[in-house]
Amino acid sequence: MADRLLVTKGEAAQRLSVSVRTIERLVAAGRLPLVHVERAARFRVSDLETYVHELSEMPAPQPGAGDPS
């Protein structure tokens, strides 16, 4: 899969070791871009790599964050 530029939703999930539903949530949240080739939805391998590299730069959520108490 290293030579390919685009992958399917299932392949993206496998590559990131997450569920397809997680991929769908990332797309819905705008955190992972989706491209269309004709009518087929695909993911750029470079976008998957960028997403992973940015994960280490994001601060970890704090326990109780957003909790008004």
N, C-alpha and C. Protein backbone atom coordinates (compact mmCIF):
# COMPACT_ATOMS: atom_id res chain seq x y z
N MET A 1 0.82 -1.20 0.00
CA MET A 1 0.00 0.00 0.00
C MET A 1 0.87 1.26 0.00
N ALA A 2 2.15 1.14 0.17
CA ALA A 2 3.03 2.30 0.26
C ALA A 2 3.09 3.10 -1.04
N ASP A 3 2.93 2.43 -2.19
CA ASP A 3 3.03 3.11 -3.47
C ASP A 3 1.76 3.88 -3.84
N ARG A 4 0.66 3.55 -3.20
CA ARG A 4 -0.62 4.14 -3.57
C ARG A 4 -0.78 5.53 -3.01
N LEU A 5 -1.43 6.39 -3.79
CA LEU A 5 -1.69 7.76 -3.36
C LEU A 5 -3.01 7.88 -2.62
N LEU A 6 -3.98 7.05 -3.01
CA LEU A 6 -5.32 7.10 -2.43
C LEU A 6 -5.72 5.74 -1.87
N VAL A 7 -6.50 5.76 -0.79
CA VAL A 7 -6.99 4.52 -0.18
C VAL A 7 -8.48 4.68 0.14
N THR A 8 -9.16 3.56 0.30
CA THR A 8 -10.57 3.56 0.65
C THR A 8 -10.73 3.83 2.15
N LYS A 9 -11.97 4.00 2.56
CA LYS A 9 -12.28 4.23 3.98
C LYS A 9 -11.81 3.05 4.84
N GLY A 10 -12.07 1.85 4.37
CA GLY A 10 -11.64 0.66 5.09
C GLY A 10 -10.13 0.55 5.19
N GLU A 11 -9.46 0.87 4.09
CA GLU A 11 -8.00 0.83 4.08
C GLU A 11 -7.41 1.92 4.98
N ALA A 12 -8.05 3.08 5.00
CA ALA A 12 -7.60 4.17 5.88
C ALA A 12 -7.73 3.74 7.33
N ALA A 13 -8.86 3.11 7.66
CA ALA A 13 -9.08 2.64 9.03
C ALA A 13 -8.03 1.61 9.41
N GLN A 14 -7.77 0.69 8.52
CA GLN A 14 -6.77 -0.34 8.79
C GLN A 14 -5.39 0.29 8.95
N ARG A 15 -5.08 1.23 8.11
CA ARG A 15 -3.76 1.88 8.16
C ARG A 15 -3.54 2.64 9.46
N LEU A 16 -4.63 3.25 10.00
CA LEU A 16 -4.53 3.99 11.26
C LEU A 16 -4.84 3.12 12.48
N SER A 17 -5.21 1.88 12.24
CA SER A 17 -5.56 0.94 13.32
C SER A 17 -6.74 1.45 14.14
N VAL A 18 -7.76 1.93 13.43
CA VAL A 18 -8.99 2.39 14.06
C VAL A 18 -10.16 1.78 13.30
N SER A 19 -11.36 2.00 13.81
CA SER A 19 -12.55 1.48 13.13
C SER A 19 -12.95 2.41 11.97
N VAL A 20 -13.76 1.86 11.08
CA VAL A 20 -14.30 2.66 9.99
C VAL A 20 -15.15 3.79 10.58
N ARG A 21 -15.87 3.52 11.64
CA ARG A 21 -16.70 4.55 12.28
C ARG A 21 -15.83 5.70 12.79
N THR A 22 -14.66 5.41 13.31
CA THR A 22 -13.75 6.47 13.75
C THR A 22 -13.33 7.33 12.57
N ILE A 23 -13.05 6.70 11.45
CA ILE A 23 -12.70 7.45 10.23
C ILE A 23 -13.86 8.36 9.85
N GLU A 24 -15.08 7.84 9.91
CA GLU A 24 -16.26 8.64 9.57
C GLU A 24 -16.41 9.83 10.52
N ARG A 25 -16.14 9.62 11.80
CA ARG A 25 -16.23 10.73 12.77
C ARG A 25 -15.16 11.78 12.50
N LEU A 26 -13.95 11.35 12.15
CA LEU A 26 -12.88 12.29 11.84
C LEU A 26 -13.22 13.13 10.61
N VAL A 27 -13.83 12.51 9.62
CA VAL A 27 -14.25 13.24 8.41
C VAL A 27 -15.35 14.24 8.77
N ALA A 28 -16.35 13.78 9.55
CA ALA A 28 -17.47 14.65 9.93
C ALA A 28 -16.99 15.84 10.75
N ALA A 29 -15.95 15.64 11.56
CA ALA A 29 -15.42 16.71 12.39
C ALA A 29 -14.46 17.62 11.62
N GLY A 30 -14.17 17.26 10.37
CA GLY A 30 -13.26 18.08 9.57
C GLY A 30 -11.80 17.86 9.89
N ARG A 31 -11.50 16.82 10.61
CA ARG A 31 -10.11 16.55 11.00
C ARG A 31 -9.35 15.69 10.00
N LEU A 32 -10.10 15.06 9.08
CA LEU A 32 -9.49 14.21 8.07
C LEU A 32 -10.17 14.50 6.73
N PRO A 33 -9.41 15.04 5.76
CA PRO A 33 -10.03 15.39 4.47
C PRO A 33 -10.36 14.16 3.63
N LEU A 34 -11.43 14.27 2.91
CA LEU A 34 -11.91 13.22 2.02
C LEU A 34 -11.89 13.80 0.61
N VAL A 35 -11.44 13.01 -0.36
CA VAL A 35 -11.46 13.46 -1.75
C VAL A 35 -12.34 12.51 -2.55
N HIS A 36 -12.83 12.99 -3.68
CA HIS A 36 -13.67 12.17 -4.53
C HIS A 36 -13.02 12.01 -5.91
N VAL A 37 -12.96 10.78 -6.36
CA VAL A 37 -12.51 10.47 -7.70
C VAL A 37 -13.76 9.94 -8.40
N GLU A 38 -14.28 10.77 -9.31
CA GLU A 38 -15.60 10.51 -9.87
C GLU A 38 -16.58 10.46 -8.71
N ARG A 39 -17.18 9.31 -8.43
CA ARG A 39 -18.12 9.20 -7.33
C ARG A 39 -17.54 8.43 -6.14
N ALA A 40 -16.31 8.02 -6.25
CA ALA A 40 -15.68 7.21 -5.20
C ALA A 40 -14.97 8.09 -4.18
N ALA A 41 -15.31 7.92 -2.91
CA ALA A 41 -14.66 8.66 -1.82
C ALA A 41 -13.35 7.96 -1.48
N ARG A 42 -12.29 8.75 -1.39
CA ARG A 42 -10.97 8.20 -1.08
C ARG A 42 -10.24 9.15 -0.13
N PHE A 43 -9.15 8.62 0.46
CA PHE A 43 -8.30 9.39 1.35
C PHE A 43 -6.90 9.42 0.77
N ARG A 44 -6.28 10.59 0.81
CA ARG A 44 -4.88 10.69 0.41
C ARG A 44 -4.02 10.07 1.51
N VAL A 45 -3.07 9.26 1.13
CA VAL A 45 -2.15 8.67 2.10
C VAL A 45 -1.39 9.79 2.81
N SER A 46 -1.04 10.83 2.09
CA SER A 46 -0.32 11.95 2.70
C SER A 46 -1.17 12.64 3.77
N ASP A 47 -2.50 12.71 3.57
CA ASP A 47 -3.37 13.30 4.59
C ASP A 47 -3.43 12.43 5.84
N LEU A 48 -3.42 11.11 5.66
CA LEU A 48 -3.40 10.20 6.81
C LEU A 48 -2.10 10.39 7.61
N GLU A 49 -0.99 10.50 6.89
CA GLU A 49 0.31 10.70 7.55
C GLU A 49 0.35 12.04 8.27
N THR A 50 -0.18 13.08 7.65
CA THR A 50 -0.22 14.40 8.28
C THR A 50 -1.06 14.34 9.55
N TYR A 51 -2.20 13.68 9.50
CA TYR A 51 -3.07 13.55 10.67
C TYR A 51 -2.31 12.89 11.82
N VAL A 52 -1.60 11.82 11.54
CA VAL A 52 -0.85 11.11 12.58
C VAL A 52 0.26 11.98 13.15
N HIS A 53 0.98 12.70 12.30
CA HIS A 53 2.06 13.57 12.77
C HIS A 53 1.53 14.69 13.65
N GLU A 54 0.35 15.20 13.33
CA GLU A 54 -0.24 16.27 14.13
C GLU A 54 -0.77 15.78 15.47
N LEU A 55 -1.04 14.49 15.59
CA LEU A 55 -1.54 13.95 16.86
C LEU A 55 -0.55 14.17 17.99
N SER A 56 0.72 13.99 17.72
CA SER A 56 1.73 14.13 18.77
C SER A 56 1.89 15.58 19.20
N GLU A 57 1.45 16.53 18.36
CA GLU A 57 1.57 17.94 18.69
C GLU A 57 0.34 18.46 19.43
N MET A 58 -0.74 17.67 19.43
CA MET A 58 -1.96 18.10 20.11
C MET A 58 -1.86 17.75 21.60
N PRO A 59 -2.24 18.67 22.49
CA PRO A 59 -2.19 18.35 23.91
C PRO A 59 -3.21 17.28 24.25
N ALA A 60 -2.85 16.41 25.18
CA ALA A 60 -3.76 15.36 25.62
C ALA A 60 -4.92 15.96 26.38
N PRO A 61 -6.13 15.42 26.22
CA PRO A 61 -7.27 15.96 26.99
C PRO A 61 -7.06 15.75 28.47
N GLN A 62 -7.41 16.74 29.25
CA GLN A 62 -7.25 16.66 30.69
C GLN A 62 -8.49 16.02 31.31
N PRO A 63 -8.32 15.18 32.32
CA PRO A 63 -9.47 14.60 32.98
C PRO A 63 -10.37 15.71 33.53
N GLY A 64 -11.67 15.60 33.27
CA GLY A 64 -12.61 16.59 33.76
C GLY A 64 -12.63 17.86 32.95
N ALA A 65 -11.89 17.91 31.83
CA ALA A 65 -11.90 19.12 30.99
C ALA A 65 -13.30 19.35 30.47
N GLY A 66 -13.76 20.55 30.57
CA GLY A 66 -15.10 20.88 30.12
C GLY A 66 -16.16 20.61 31.18
N ASP A 67 -15.73 20.08 32.29
CA ASP A 67 -16.66 19.79 33.40
C ASP A 67 -16.85 21.06 34.20
N PRO A 68 -18.08 21.59 34.28
CA PRO A 68 -18.29 22.87 34.95
C PRO A 68 -18.08 22.83 36.46
N SER A 69 -17.98 21.66 37.06
CA SER A 69 -17.82 21.61 38.52
C SER A 69 -16.39 21.75 38.98
